[in-house]
Amino acid sequence: MASLVCATCRKLIPPGTNAIRCTVASCNTGRMKLRFCSVTCWEKHVPTARHRKAGYVVEGAAQTSGASTDESAGESTGKS
């Protein structure tokens, strides 16, 4: 996967590190998929984008860790 660039400060976000993604659909459609290097950069984006209900998701290295398999194992034992 190629390196991402922060939409606010234009710093490189290397592969394997966490990136902040805006949850508003207009920021993630077509070729414009905004990613940010920190919550601070995302907060600078919100007033200029005029979002009504702004939110963010941390994506990247944290999603590929083994935490998701631990959660699914806990759910399967809770249902029994």
PDB file of N, CA and C in Angstrom:
ATOM      1  N   MET A   1       0.845  -1.178   0.000  1.00  0.00           N
ATOM      2  CA  MET A   1       0.000   0.000   0.000  1.00  0.00           C
ATOM      3  C   MET A   1       0.891   1.242   0.000  1.00  0.00           C
ATOM      4  N   ALA A   2       0.505   2.246  -0.736  1.00  0.00           N
ATOM      5  CA  ALA A   2       1.270   3.475  -0.842  1.00  0.00           C
ATOM      6  C   ALA A   2       1.096   4.330   0.406  1.00  0.00           C
ATOM      7  N   SER A   3       2.045   5.222   0.609  1.00  0.00           N
ATOM      8  CA  SER A   3       1.957   6.146   1.733  1.00  0.00           C
ATOM      9  C   SER A   3       0.822   7.132   1.500  1.00  0.00           C
ATOM     10  N   LEU A   4       0.159   7.486   2.577  1.00  0.00           N
ATOM     11  CA  LEU A   4      -0.905   8.483   2.518  1.00  0.00           C
ATOM     12  C   LEU A   4      -0.328   9.842   2.883  1.00  0.00           C
ATOM     13  N   VAL A   5      -1.034  10.901   2.523  1.00  0.00           N
ATOM     14  CA  VAL A   5      -0.630  12.258   2.857  1.00  0.00           C
ATOM     15  C   VAL A   5      -1.752  12.891   3.670  1.00  0.00           C
ATOM     16  N   CYS A   6      -1.392  13.550   4.761  1.00  0.00           N
ATOM     17  CA  CYS A   6      -2.375  14.230   5.605  1.00  0.00           C
ATOM     18  C   CYS A   6      -3.038  15.343   4.800  1.00  0.00           C
ATOM     19  N   ALA A   7      -4.358  15.398   4.849  1.00  0.00           N
ATOM     20  CA  ALA A   7      -5.108  16.390   4.079  1.00  0.00           C
ATOM     21  C   ALA A   7      -4.942  17.806   4.616  1.00  0.00           C
ATOM     22  N   THR A   8      -4.491  17.960   5.857  1.00  0.00           N
ATOM     23  CA  THR A   8      -4.344  19.292   6.433  1.00  0.00           C
ATOM     24  C   THR A   8      -2.906  19.795   6.353  1.00  0.00           C
ATOM     25  N   CYS A   9      -1.961  19.035   6.909  1.00  0.00           N
ATOM     26  CA  CYS A   9      -0.575  19.513   6.989  1.00  0.00           C
ATOM     27  C   CYS A   9       0.328  18.947   5.895  1.00  0.00           C
ATOM     28  N   ARG A  10      -0.172  17.992   5.112  1.00  0.00           N
ATOM     29  CA  ARG A  10       0.548  17.387   3.994  1.00  0.00           C
ATOM     30  C   ARG A  10       1.768  16.561   4.396  1.00  0.00           C
ATOM     31  N   LYS A  11       1.827  16.118   5.652  1.00  0.00           N
ATOM     32  CA  LYS A  11       2.895  15.203   6.073  1.00  0.00           C
ATOM     33  C   LYS A  11       2.586  13.814   5.552  1.00  0.00           C
ATOM     34  N   LEU A  12       3.628  13.047   5.272  1.00  0.00           N
ATOM     35  CA  LEU A  12       3.436  11.664   4.847  1.00  0.00           C
ATOM     36  C   LEU A  12       2.985  10.813   6.023  1.00  0.00           C
ATOM     37  N   ILE A  13       2.023   9.926   5.764  1.00  0.00           N
ATOM     38  CA  ILE A  13       1.569   8.949   6.755  1.00  0.00           C
ATOM     39  C   ILE A  13       2.070   7.598   6.258  1.00  0.00           C
ATOM     40  N   PRO A  14       3.139   7.065   6.850  1.00  0.00           N
ATOM     41  CA  PRO A  14       3.734   5.826   6.337  1.00  0.00           C
ATOM     42  C   PRO A  14       2.795   4.633   6.462  1.00  0.00           C
ATOM     43  N   PRO A  15       2.948   3.639   5.588  1.00  0.00           N
ATOM     44  CA  PRO A  15       2.138   2.422   5.693  1.00  0.00           C
ATOM     45  C   PRO A  15       2.367   1.737   7.037  1.00  0.00           C
ATOM     46  N   GLY A  16       1.311   1.187   7.604  1.00  0.00           N
ATOM     47  CA  GLY A  16       1.422   0.489   8.878  1.00  0.00           C
ATOM     48  C   GLY A  16       1.196   1.358  10.096  1.00  0.00           C
ATOM     49  N   THR A  17       1.057   2.674   9.904  1.00  0.00           N
ATOM     50  CA  THR A  17       0.778   3.557  11.032  1.00  0.00           C
ATOM     51  C   THR A  17      -0.694   3.953  11.009  1.00  0.00           C
ATOM     52  N   ASN A  18      -1.181   4.424  12.120  1.00  0.00           N
ATOM     53  CA  ASN A  18      -2.584   4.817  12.220  1.00  0.00           C
ATOM     54  C   ASN A  18      -2.838   6.108  11.448  1.00  0.00           C
ATOM     55  N   ALA A  19      -4.006   6.182  10.845  1.00  0.00           N
ATOM     56  CA  ALA A  19      -4.451   7.394  10.159  1.00  0.00           C
ATOM     57  C   ALA A  19      -5.874   7.694  10.636  1.00  0.00           C
ATOM     58  N   ILE A  20      -6.221   8.948  10.668  1.00  0.00           N
ATOM     59  CA  ILE A  20      -7.552   9.379  11.062  1.00  0.00           C
ATOM     60  C   ILE A  20      -8.367   9.577   9.781  1.00  0.00           C
ATOM     61  N   ARG A  21      -9.568   9.008   9.745  1.00  0.00           N
ATOM     62  CA  ARG A  21     -10.447   9.135   8.582  1.00  0.00           C
ATOM     63  C   ARG A  21     -11.714   9.860   9.005  1.00  0.00           C
ATOM     64  N   CYS A  22     -12.125  10.838   8.217  1.00  0.00           N
ATOM     65  CA  CYS A  22     -13.368  11.561   8.471  1.00  0.00           C
ATOM     66  C   CYS A  22     -14.539  10.646   8.145  1.00  0.00           C
ATOM     67  N   THR A  23     -15.565  10.629   8.985  1.00  0.00           N
ATOM     68  CA  THR A  23     -16.691   9.726   8.782  1.00  0.00           C
ATOM     69  C   THR A  23     -17.790  10.307   7.893  1.00  0.00           C
ATOM     70  N   VAL A  24     -17.665  11.562   7.508  1.00  0.00           N
ATOM     71  CA  VAL A  24     -18.676  12.186   6.655  1.00  0.00           C
ATOM     72  C   VAL A  24     -18.514  11.651   5.228  1.00  0.00           C
ATOM     73  N   ALA A  25     -19.623  11.230   4.633  1.00  0.00           N
ATOM     74  CA  ALA A  25     -19.589  10.572   3.329  1.00  0.00           C
ATOM     75  C   ALA A  25     -18.963  11.436   2.234  1.00  0.00           C
ATOM     76  N   SER A  26     -19.198  12.724   2.252  1.00  0.00           N
ATOM     77  CA  SER A  26     -18.652  13.586   1.200  1.00  0.00           C
ATOM     78  C   SER A  26     -17.129  13.683   1.253  1.00  0.00           C
ATOM     79  N   CYS A  27     -16.535  13.339   2.373  1.00  0.00           N
ATOM     80  CA  CYS A  27     -15.072  13.346   2.488  1.00  0.00           C
ATOM     81  C   CYS A  27     -14.450  12.027   2.030  1.00  0.00           C
ATOM     82  N   ASN A  28     -15.272  11.031   1.760  1.00  0.00           N
ATOM     83  CA  ASN A  28     -14.749   9.713   1.425  1.00  0.00           C
ATOM     84  C   ASN A  28     -15.329   9.146   0.138  1.00  0.00           C
ATOM     85  N   THR A  29     -15.764   9.995  -0.763  1.00  0.00           N
ATOM     86  CA  THR A  29     -16.340   9.518  -2.010  1.00  0.00           C
ATOM     87  C   THR A  29     -15.412   9.811  -3.177  1.00  0.00           C
ATOM     88  N   GLY A  30     -15.509   8.996  -4.201  1.00  0.00           N
ATOM     89  CA  GLY A  30     -14.716   9.211  -5.406  1.00  0.00           C
ATOM     90  C   GLY A  30     -13.231   9.121  -5.146  1.00  0.00           C
ATOM     91  N   ARG A  31     -12.499  10.008  -5.736  1.00  0.00           N
ATOM     92  CA  ARG A  31     -11.039   9.995  -5.596  1.00  0.00           C
ATOM     93  C   ARG A  31     -10.571  10.732  -4.346  1.00  0.00           C
ATOM     94  N   MET A  32     -11.447  11.520  -3.748  1.00  0.00           N
ATOM     95  CA  MET A  32     -11.060  12.311  -2.577  1.00  0.00           C
ATOM     96  C   MET A  32     -11.385  11.541  -1.298  1.00  0.00           C
ATOM     97  N   LYS A  33     -10.409  10.837  -0.778  1.00  0.00           N
ATOM     98  CA  LYS A  33     -10.570  10.117   0.479  1.00  0.00           C
ATOM     99  C   LYS A  33      -9.617  10.768   1.482  1.00  0.00           C
ATOM    100  N   LEU A  34     -10.171  11.643   2.312  1.00  0.00           N
ATOM    101  CA  LEU A  34      -9.339  12.433   3.213  1.00  0.00           C
ATOM    102  C   LEU A  34      -8.841  11.594   4.375  1.00  0.00           C
ATOM    103  N   ARG A  35      -7.537  11.659   4.626  1.00  0.00           N
ATOM    104  CA  ARG A  35      -6.899  11.012   5.771  1.00  0.00           C
ATOM    105  C   ARG A  35      -6.067  12.069   6.482  1.00  0.00           C
ATOM    106  N   PHE A  36      -5.950  11.916   7.801  1.00  0.00           N
ATOM    107  CA  PHE A  36      -5.246  12.904   8.615  1.00  0.00           C
ATOM    108  C   PHE A  36      -4.228  12.194   9.491  1.00  0.00           C
ATOM    109  N   CYS A  37      -3.120  12.873   9.801  1.00  0.00           N
ATOM    110  CA  CYS A  37      -2.058  12.262  10.598  1.00  0.00           C
ATOM    111  C   CYS A  37      -2.362  12.290  12.089  1.00  0.00           C
ATOM    112  N   SER A  38      -3.241  13.199  12.527  1.00  0.00           N
ATOM    113  CA  SER A  38      -3.568  13.305  13.954  1.00  0.00           C
ATOM    114  C   SER A  38      -4.978  13.866  14.119  1.00  0.00           C
ATOM    115  N   VAL A  39      -5.481  13.746  15.333  1.00  0.00           N
ATOM    116  CA  VAL A  39      -6.798  14.305  15.638  1.00  0.00           C
ATOM    117  C   VAL A  39      -6.761  15.830  15.521  1.00  0.00           C
ATOM    118  N   THR A  40      -5.641  16.429  15.838  1.00  0.00           N
ATOM    119  CA  THR A  40      -5.497  17.884  15.729  1.00  0.00           C
ATOM    120  C   THR A  40      -5.702  18.344  14.290  1.00  0.00           C
ATOM    121  N   CYS A  41      -5.111  17.625  13.336  1.00  0.00           N
ATOM    122  CA  CYS A  41      -5.303  17.978  11.921  1.00  0.00           C
ATOM    123  C   CYS A  41      -6.742  17.759  11.501  1.00  0.00           C
ATOM    124  N   TRP A  42      -7.380  16.702  12.000  1.00  0.00           N
ATOM    125  CA  TRP A  42      -8.788  16.465  11.682  1.00  0.00           C
ATOM    126  C   TRP A  42      -9.655  17.599  12.230  1.00  0.00           C
ATOM    127  N   GLU A  43      -9.369  18.069  13.456  1.00  0.00           N
ATOM    128  CA  GLU A  43     -10.131  19.162  14.064  1.00  0.00           C
ATOM    129  C   GLU A  43      -9.983  20.458  13.271  1.00  0.00           C
ATOM    130  N   LYS A  44      -8.834  20.662  12.634  1.00  0.00           N
ATOM    131  CA  LYS A  44      -8.653  21.845  11.793  1.00  0.00           C
ATOM    132  C   LYS A  44      -9.471  21.738  10.512  1.00  0.00           C
ATOM    133  N   HIS A  45      -9.758  20.523  10.069  1.00  0.00           N
ATOM    134  CA  HIS A  45     -10.538  20.283   8.853  1.00  0.00           C
ATOM    135  C   HIS A  45     -12.032  20.545   9.062  1.00  0.00           C
ATOM    136  N   VAL A  46     -12.550  20.252  10.237  1.00  0.00           N
ATOM    137  CA  VAL A  46     -13.993  20.279  10.494  1.00  0.00           C
ATOM    138  C   VAL A  46     -14.627  21.660  10.255  1.00  0.00           C
ATOM    139  N   PRO A  47     -14.100  22.772  10.770  1.00  0.00           N
ATOM    140  CA  PRO A  47     -14.763  24.068  10.544  1.00  0.00           C
ATOM    141  C   PRO A  47     -14.792  24.484   9.073  1.00  0.00           C
ATOM    142  N   THR A  48     -13.781  24.130   8.318  1.00  0.00           N
ATOM    143  CA  THR A  48     -13.744  24.518   6.910  1.00  0.00           C
ATOM    144  C   THR A  48     -14.653  23.646   6.062  1.00  0.00           C
ATOM    145  N   ALA A  49     -14.971  22.437   6.513  1.00  0.00           N
ATOM    146  CA  ALA A  49     -15.810  21.524   5.749  1.00  0.00           C
ATOM    147  C   ALA A  49     -17.296  21.702   6.057  1.00  0.00           C
ATOM    148  N   ARG A  50     -17.622  22.405   7.136  1.00  0.00           N
ATOM    149  CA  ARG A  50     -19.010  22.675   7.532  1.00  0.00           C
ATOM    150  C   ARG A  50     -19.828  21.400   7.728  1.00  0.00           C
ATOM    151  N   HIS A  51     -19.275  20.451   8.448  1.00  0.00           N
ATOM    152  CA  HIS A  51     -19.993  19.215   8.745  1.00  0.00           C
ATOM    153  C   HIS A  51     -21.032  19.460   9.828  1.00  0.00           C
ATOM    154  N   ARG A  52     -22.183  18.808   9.714  1.00  0.00           N
ATOM    155  CA  ARG A  52     -23.206  18.910  10.756  1.00  0.00           C
ATOM    156  C   ARG A  52     -22.896  17.955  11.896  1.00  0.00           C
ATOM    157  N   LYS A  53     -22.630  16.704  11.553  1.00  0.00           N
ATOM    158  CA  LYS A  53     -22.299  15.696  12.561  1.00  0.00           C
ATOM    159  C   LYS A  53     -20.965  15.083  12.187  1.00  0.00           C
ATOM    160  N   ALA A  54     -19.904  15.716  12.616  1.00  0.00           N
ATOM    161  CA  ALA A  54     -18.567  15.262  12.265  1.00  0.00           C
ATOM    162  C   ALA A  54     -18.089  14.193  13.230  1.00  0.00           C
ATOM    163  N   GLY A  55     -17.343  13.262  12.711  1.00  0.00           N
ATOM    164  CA  GLY A  55     -16.738  12.216  13.517  1.00  0.00           C
ATOM    165  C   GLY A  55     -15.514  11.691  12.805  1.00  0.00           C
ATOM    166  N   TYR A  56     -14.732  10.886  13.518  1.00  0.00           N
ATOM    167  CA  TYR A  56     -13.548  10.310  12.890  1.00  0.00           C
ATOM    168  C   TYR A  56     -13.367   8.875  13.348  1.00  0.00           C
ATOM    169  N   VAL A  57     -12.618   8.140  12.551  1.00  0.00           N
ATOM    170  CA  VAL A  57     -12.296   6.751  12.837  1.00  0.00           C
ATOM    171  C   VAL A  57     -10.788   6.613  12.710  1.00  0.00           C
ATOM    172  N   VAL A  58     -10.176   5.942  13.667  1.00  0.00           N
ATOM    173  CA  VAL A  58      -8.748   5.652  13.579  1.00  0.00           C
ATOM    174  C   VAL A  58      -8.610   4.344  12.816  1.00  0.00           C
ATOM    175  N   GLU A  59      -7.886   4.392  11.716  1.00  0.00           N
ATOM    176  CA  GLU A  59      -7.691   3.181  10.929  1.00  0.00           C
ATOM    177  C   GLU A  59      -6.211   2.984  10.648  1.00  0.00           C
ATOM    178  N   GLY A  60      -5.837   1.784  10.323  1.00  0.00           N
ATOM    179  CA  GLY A  60      -4.450   1.492  10.014  1.00  0.00           C
ATOM    180  C   GLY A  60      -3.966   0.289  10.779  1.00  0.00           C
ATOM    181  N   ALA A  61      -2.817   0.405  11.421  1.00  0.00           N
ATOM    182  CA  ALA A  61      -2.163  -0.713  12.094  1.00  0.00           C
ATOM    183  C   ALA A  61      -3.020  -1.281  13.219  1.00  0.00           C
ATOM    184  N   ALA A  62      -3.808  -0.463  13.895  1.00  0.00           N
ATOM    185  CA  ALA A  62      -4.613  -0.943  15.016  1.00  0.00           C
ATOM    186  C   ALA A  62      -5.701  -1.904  14.553  1.00  0.00           C
ATOM    187  N   GLN A  63      -6.206  -1.754  13.340  1.00  0.00           N
ATOM    188  CA  GLN A  63      -7.263  -2.628  12.848  1.00  0.00           C
ATOM    189  C   GLN A  63      -6.744  -4.000  12.468  1.00  0.00           C
ATOM    190  N   THR A  64      -5.477  -4.119  12.112  1.00  0.00           N
ATOM    191  CA  THR A  64      -4.947  -5.397  11.676  1.00  0.00           C
ATOM    192  C   THR A  64      -4.365  -6.210  12.819  1.00  0.00           C
ATOM    193  N   SER A  65      -4.439  -5.710  14.049  1.00  0.00           N
ATOM    194  CA  SER A  65      -3.893  -6.445  15.187  1.00  0.00           C
ATOM    195  C   SER A  65      -4.815  -7.588  15.578  1.00  0.00           C
ATOM    196  N   GLY A  66      -4.401  -8.415  16.522  1.00  0.00           N
ATOM    197  CA  GLY A  66      -5.175  -9.569  16.946  1.00  0.00           C
ATOM    198  C   GLY A  66      -6.342  -9.228  17.847  1.00  0.00           C
ATOM    199  N   ALA A  67      -6.606  -7.959  18.113  1.00  0.00           N
ATOM    200  CA  ALA A  67      -7.695  -7.570  19.009  1.00  0.00           C
ATOM    201  C   ALA A  67      -9.059  -7.982  18.455  1.00  0.00           C
ATOM    202  N   SER A  68      -9.231  -7.953  17.147  1.00  0.00           N
ATOM    203  CA  SER A  68     -10.530  -8.300  16.575  1.00  0.00           C
ATOM    204  C   SER A  68     -10.834  -9.782  16.759  1.00  0.00           C
ATOM    205  N   THR A  69      -9.815 -10.632  16.721  1.00  0.00           N
ATOM    206  CA  THR A  69     -10.060 -12.055  16.929  1.00  0.00           C
ATOM    207  C   THR A  69     -10.393 -12.326  18.389  1.00  0.00           C
ATOM    208  N   ASP A  70      -9.827 -11.557  19.312  1.00  0.00           N
ATOM    209  CA  ASP A  70     -10.151 -11.723  20.723  1.00  0.00           C
ATOM    210  C   ASP A  70     -11.601 -11.331  20.991  1.00  0.00           C
ATOM    211  N   GLU A  71     -12.070 -10.277  20.340  1.00  0.00           N
ATOM    212  CA  GLU A  71     -13.453  -9.842  20.520  1.00  0.00           C
ATOM    213  C   GLU A  71     -14.434 -10.888  19.984  1.00  0.00           C
ATOM    214  N   SER A  72     -14.124 -11.456  18.829  1.00  0.00           N
ATOM    215  CA  SER A  72     -15.038 -12.450  18.266  1.00  0.00           C
ATOM    216  C   SER A  72     -15.065 -13.701  19.122  1.00  0.00           C
ATOM    217  N   ALA A  73     -13.942 -14.064  19.746  1.00  0.00           N
ATOM    218  CA  ALA A  73     -13.924 -15.218  20.632  1.00  0.00           C
ATOM    219  C   ALA A  73     -14.765 -14.953  21.869  1.00  0.00           C
ATOM    220  N   GLY A  74     -14.733 -13.717  22.372  1.00  0.00           N
ATOM    221  CA  GLY A  74     -15.530 -13.362  23.540  1.00  0.00           C
ATOM    222  C   GLY A  74     -17.020 -13.377  23.212  1.00  0.00           C
ATOM    223  N   GLU A  75     -17.380 -12.984  22.005  1.00  0.00           N
ATOM    224  CA  GLU A  75     -18.784 -12.996  21.620  1.00  0.00           C
ATOM    225  C   GLU A  75     -19.311 -14.426  21.483  1.00  0.00           C
ATOM    226  N   SER A  76     -18.484 -15.314  20.962  1.00  0.00           N
ATOM    227  CA  SER A  76     -18.974 -16.678  20.776  1.00  0.00           C
ATOM    228  C   SER A  76     -19.167 -17.387  22.114  1.00  0.00           C
ATOM    229  N   THR A  77     -18.336 -17.080  23.115  1.00  0.00           N
ATOM    230  CA  THR A  77     -18.516 -17.699  24.420  1.00  0.00           C
ATOM    231  C   THR A  77     -19.693 -17.080  25.162  1.00  0.00           C
ATOM    232  N   GLY A  78     -19.996 -15.804  24.897  1.00  0.00           N
ATOM    233  CA  GLY A  78     -21.101 -15.139  25.567  1.00  0.00           C
ATOM    234  C   GLY A  78     -22.455 -15.630  25.078  1.00  0.00           C
ATOM    235  N   LYS A  79     -22.533 -16.121  23.856  1.00  0.00           N
ATOM    236  CA  LYS A  79     -23.807 -16.579  23.291  1.00  0.00           C
ATOM    237  C   LYS A  79     -24.166 -17.975  23.759  1.00  0.00           C
ATOM    238  N   SER A  80     -23.190 -18.767  24.167  1.00  0.00           N
ATOM    239  CA  SER A  80     -23.450 -20.163  24.538  1.00  0.00           C
ATOM    240  C   SER A  80     -24.178 -20.271  25.851  1.00  0.00           C
TER     241      SER A  80
END
